[in-house]
Amino acid sequence: MIKKYKVPTIEELFDAGVHFGHQIKRWNPGMEKYIYTVKKNIHIIDLEKTQILLEKAADFLFEQAKSGGKIILVGTKKQSREIIEI
């Protein structure tokens, strides 16, 4: 498969702050397997698992787009509005 995208490295994910999760009092038990540790009452996300699953999601989206499938992106925060508008 020829890929036209680049999945961020673990270092890039770390530099972007992707590893910061929610406060432990606001956690979702379904996310337990993706939590690496807890620091100062904040869940720290496992970036190795994140990178693997991000690549899997990117592969899926790439194949959908390649085959003419439709993709809808939904953002619930103001910060994501600009990047989602395509």
N, C-alpha and C. Protein backbone atom coordinates (compact mmCIF):
# COMPACT_ATOMS: atom_id res chain seq x y z
N MET A 1 0.84 -1.17 0.00
CA MET A 1 0.00 0.00 0.00
C MET A 1 0.89 1.24 0.00
N ILE A 2 0.65 2.15 -0.91
CA ILE A 2 1.38 3.42 -0.96
C ILE A 2 0.67 4.40 -0.04
N LYS A 3 1.40 4.93 0.93
CA LYS A 3 0.81 5.86 1.88
C LYS A 3 1.15 7.29 1.50
N LYS A 4 0.17 8.15 1.56
CA LYS A 4 0.36 9.56 1.25
C LYS A 4 0.26 10.41 2.51
N TYR A 5 0.50 9.81 3.64
CA TYR A 5 0.40 10.53 4.90
C TYR A 5 1.52 10.07 5.82
N LYS A 6 1.78 10.85 6.86
CA LYS A 6 2.82 10.51 7.83
C LYS A 6 2.20 10.51 9.22
N VAL A 7 2.34 9.41 9.91
CA VAL A 7 1.87 9.31 11.29
C VAL A 7 2.96 9.92 12.17
N PRO A 8 2.58 10.77 13.12
CA PRO A 8 3.59 11.41 13.98
C PRO A 8 4.40 10.38 14.77
N THR A 9 5.66 10.71 15.00
CA THR A 9 6.51 9.87 15.84
C THR A 9 6.07 10.02 17.30
N ILE A 10 6.54 9.12 18.14
CA ILE A 10 6.23 9.22 19.57
C ILE A 10 6.76 10.54 20.13
N GLU A 11 7.92 10.95 19.68
CA GLU A 11 8.48 12.23 20.14
C GLU A 11 7.59 13.40 19.72
N GLU A 12 7.08 13.37 18.49
CA GLU A 12 6.18 14.44 18.03
C GLU A 12 4.87 14.44 18.83
N LEU A 13 4.35 13.25 19.12
CA LEU A 13 3.13 13.16 19.94
C LEU A 13 3.40 13.73 21.33
N PHE A 14 4.55 13.40 21.90
CA PHE A 14 4.92 13.90 23.23
C PHE A 14 5.04 15.42 23.21
N ASP A 15 5.76 15.94 22.21
CA ASP A 15 5.95 17.40 22.10
C ASP A 15 4.63 18.14 21.94
N ALA A 16 3.64 17.49 21.33
CA ALA A 16 2.32 18.09 21.13
C ALA A 16 1.43 17.95 22.37
N GLY A 17 1.91 17.24 23.38
CA GLY A 17 1.14 17.08 24.61
C GLY A 17 0.03 16.07 24.54
N VAL A 18 0.11 15.17 23.56
CA VAL A 18 -0.94 14.17 23.37
C VAL A 18 -1.05 13.23 24.57
N HIS A 19 0.02 13.10 25.31
CA HIS A 19 0.04 12.16 26.44
C HIS A 19 -0.77 12.62 27.65
N PHE A 20 -1.17 13.88 27.68
CA PHE A 20 -1.95 14.37 28.83
C PHE A 20 -3.41 13.98 28.70
N GLY A 21 -3.88 13.21 29.67
CA GLY A 21 -5.29 12.80 29.69
C GLY A 21 -6.09 13.70 30.62
N HIS A 22 -7.18 13.16 31.12
CA HIS A 22 -8.05 13.90 32.04
C HIS A 22 -7.57 13.74 33.48
N GLN A 23 -8.13 14.57 34.34
CA GLN A 23 -7.91 14.38 35.77
C GLN A 23 -8.48 13.02 36.14
N ILE A 24 -7.88 12.37 37.13
CA ILE A 24 -8.32 11.02 37.47
C ILE A 24 -9.77 10.97 37.91
N LYS A 25 -10.31 12.06 38.45
CA LYS A 25 -11.71 12.05 38.88
C LYS A 25 -12.68 12.13 37.70
N ARG A 26 -12.18 12.46 36.49
CA ARG A 26 -13.05 12.59 35.32
C ARG A 26 -12.79 11.48 34.29
N TRP A 27 -12.20 10.41 34.68
CA TRP A 27 -11.76 9.40 33.73
C TRP A 27 -12.90 8.53 33.21
N ASN A 28 -12.63 7.91 32.09
CA ASN A 28 -13.55 6.97 31.47
C ASN A 28 -12.94 5.58 31.65
N PRO A 29 -13.61 4.68 32.38
CA PRO A 29 -13.05 3.34 32.62
C PRO A 29 -12.71 2.58 31.33
N GLY A 30 -13.38 2.90 30.23
CA GLY A 30 -13.09 2.24 28.96
C GLY A 30 -11.72 2.60 28.41
N MET A 31 -11.11 3.63 28.95
CA MET A 31 -9.79 4.07 28.49
C MET A 31 -8.65 3.46 29.30
N GLU A 32 -8.98 2.64 30.29
CA GLU A 32 -7.97 2.11 31.21
C GLU A 32 -6.78 1.46 30.50
N LYS A 33 -7.04 0.71 29.44
CA LYS A 33 -5.95 -0.01 28.76
C LYS A 33 -5.00 0.92 28.00
N TYR A 34 -5.39 2.20 27.85
CA TYR A 34 -4.55 3.16 27.14
C TYR A 34 -3.80 4.10 28.09
N ILE A 35 -4.02 3.94 29.39
CA ILE A 35 -3.38 4.80 30.38
C ILE A 35 -2.05 4.18 30.79
N TYR A 36 -1.00 4.97 30.66
CA TYR A 36 0.34 4.52 30.99
C TYR A 36 0.61 4.65 32.49
N THR A 37 0.28 5.80 33.05
CA THR A 37 0.50 6.06 34.47
C THR A 37 -0.33 7.27 34.90
N VAL A 38 -0.16 7.67 36.15
CA VAL A 38 -0.82 8.87 36.68
C VAL A 38 0.26 9.78 37.26
N LYS A 39 0.20 11.06 36.90
CA LYS A 39 1.13 12.06 37.46
C LYS A 39 0.32 13.27 37.89
N LYS A 40 0.47 13.65 39.14
CA LYS A 40 -0.21 14.84 39.69
C LYS A 40 -1.71 14.80 39.40
N ASN A 41 -2.32 13.65 39.63
CA ASN A 41 -3.76 13.43 39.45
C ASN A 41 -4.23 13.55 38.00
N ILE A 42 -3.32 13.41 37.04
CA ILE A 42 -3.64 13.43 35.61
C ILE A 42 -3.24 12.09 35.01
N HIS A 43 -4.12 11.51 34.23
CA HIS A 43 -3.76 10.28 33.52
C HIS A 43 -2.78 10.62 32.40
N ILE A 44 -1.77 9.79 32.26
CA ILE A 44 -0.78 9.92 31.19
C ILE A 44 -1.06 8.79 30.20
N ILE A 45 -1.32 9.18 28.96
CA ILE A 45 -1.71 8.23 27.91
C ILE A 45 -0.47 7.52 27.37
N ASP A 46 -0.61 6.24 27.05
CA ASP A 46 0.46 5.42 26.47
C ASP A 46 0.64 5.83 25.01
N LEU A 47 1.73 6.51 24.71
CA LEU A 47 1.95 7.02 23.36
C LEU A 47 2.31 5.92 22.36
N GLU A 48 2.87 4.81 22.81
CA GLU A 48 3.15 3.71 21.89
C GLU A 48 1.84 3.14 21.36
N LYS A 49 0.88 2.91 22.25
CA LYS A 49 -0.43 2.42 21.81
C LYS A 49 -1.14 3.46 20.96
N THR A 50 -1.00 4.73 21.35
CA THR A 50 -1.62 5.82 20.59
C THR A 50 -1.10 5.84 19.16
N GLN A 51 0.20 5.72 19.00
CA GLN A 51 0.80 5.76 17.66
C GLN A 51 0.31 4.59 16.80
N ILE A 52 0.26 3.40 17.37
CA ILE A 52 -0.19 2.22 16.64
C ILE A 52 -1.64 2.40 16.18
N LEU A 53 -2.50 2.85 17.09
CA LEU A 53 -3.91 3.00 16.75
C LEU A 53 -4.15 4.19 15.82
N LEU A 54 -3.33 5.22 15.92
CA LEU A 54 -3.43 6.36 15.01
C LEU A 54 -3.09 5.91 13.59
N GLU A 55 -2.07 5.08 13.46
CA GLU A 55 -1.71 4.56 12.13
C GLU A 55 -2.82 3.66 11.58
N LYS A 56 -3.42 2.86 12.43
CA LYS A 56 -4.53 2.00 12.01
C LYS A 56 -5.71 2.85 11.52
N ALA A 57 -6.02 3.91 12.25
CA ALA A 57 -7.11 4.81 11.85
C ALA A 57 -6.77 5.52 10.54
N ALA A 58 -5.52 5.95 10.40
CA ALA A 58 -5.10 6.63 9.17
C ALA A 58 -5.18 5.69 7.98
N ASP A 59 -4.78 4.44 8.15
CA ASP A 59 -4.89 3.44 7.08
C ASP A 59 -6.35 3.27 6.66
N PHE A 60 -7.24 3.18 7.63
CA PHE A 60 -8.66 3.01 7.34
C PHE A 60 -9.20 4.21 6.56
N LEU A 61 -8.89 5.42 7.01
CA LEU A 61 -9.36 6.63 6.32
C LEU A 61 -8.77 6.73 4.92
N PHE A 62 -7.50 6.36 4.78
CA PHE A 62 -6.86 6.38 3.46
C PHE A 62 -7.58 5.45 2.50
N GLU A 63 -7.86 4.24 2.95
CA GLU A 63 -8.56 3.26 2.10
C GLU A 63 -9.98 3.72 1.77
N GLN A 64 -10.67 4.31 2.73
CA GLN A 64 -12.02 4.82 2.47
C GLN A 64 -11.98 5.91 1.41
N ALA A 65 -11.06 6.85 1.55
CA ALA A 65 -10.95 7.94 0.59
C ALA A 65 -10.55 7.42 -0.78
N LYS A 66 -9.61 6.47 -0.81
CA LYS A 66 -9.13 5.91 -2.07
C LYS A 66 -10.25 5.21 -2.84
N SER A 67 -11.16 4.58 -2.11
CA SER A 67 -12.24 3.85 -2.77
C SER A 67 -13.50 4.71 -2.96
N GLY A 68 -13.38 6.01 -2.70
CA GLY A 68 -14.51 6.91 -2.92
C GLY A 68 -15.50 6.97 -1.77
N GLY A 69 -15.13 6.39 -0.65
CA GLY A 69 -16.01 6.42 0.52
C GLY A 69 -16.12 7.82 1.10
N LYS A 70 -17.17 8.03 1.85
CA LYS A 70 -17.38 9.34 2.47
C LYS A 70 -16.86 9.32 3.90
N ILE A 71 -16.27 10.42 4.29
CA ILE A 71 -15.71 10.57 5.63
C ILE A 71 -16.27 11.85 6.22
N ILE A 72 -16.77 11.77 7.43
CA ILE A 72 -17.24 12.96 8.12
C ILE A 72 -16.42 13.13 9.40
N LEU A 73 -15.93 14.32 9.60
CA LEU A 73 -15.16 14.64 10.81
C LEU A 73 -16.00 15.58 11.66
N VAL A 74 -16.11 15.26 12.93
CA VAL A 74 -16.90 16.07 13.85
C VAL A 74 -16.00 16.55 14.97
N GLY A 75 -16.00 17.85 15.20
CA GLY A 75 -15.23 18.42 16.30
C GLY A 75 -16.17 19.16 17.24
N THR A 76 -15.93 19.00 18.52
CA THR A 76 -16.81 19.65 19.49
C THR A 76 -16.15 20.83 20.19
N LYS A 77 -14.94 21.16 19.79
CA LYS A 77 -14.22 22.26 20.42
C LYS A 77 -13.88 23.33 19.39
N LYS A 78 -13.83 24.57 19.83
CA LYS A 78 -13.50 25.68 18.94
C LYS A 78 -12.13 25.48 18.29
N GLN A 79 -11.19 24.90 19.03
CA GLN A 79 -9.83 24.72 18.53
C GLN A 79 -9.77 23.81 17.31
N SER A 80 -10.72 22.92 17.16
CA SER A 80 -10.69 21.96 16.04
C SER A 80 -11.45 22.47 14.82
N ARG A 81 -12.18 23.55 14.97
CA ARG A 81 -13.04 24.04 13.89
C ARG A 81 -12.27 24.31 12.59
N GLU A 82 -11.16 25.04 12.69
CA GLU A 82 -10.42 25.43 11.50
C GLU A 82 -9.84 24.24 10.74
N ILE A 83 -9.30 23.28 11.44
CA ILE A 83 -8.67 22.14 10.77
C ILE A 83 -9.70 21.19 10.16
N ILE A 84 -10.89 21.15 10.73
CA ILE A 84 -11.93 20.25 10.22
C ILE A 84 -12.58 20.80 8.96
N GLU A 85 -12.68 22.11 8.84
CA GLU A 85 -13.31 22.70 7.65
C GLU A 85 -12.42 22.47 6.44
N ILE A 86 -12.89 21.62 5.56
CA ILE A 86 -12.11 21.28 4.36
C ILE A 86 -12.89 21.70 3.13
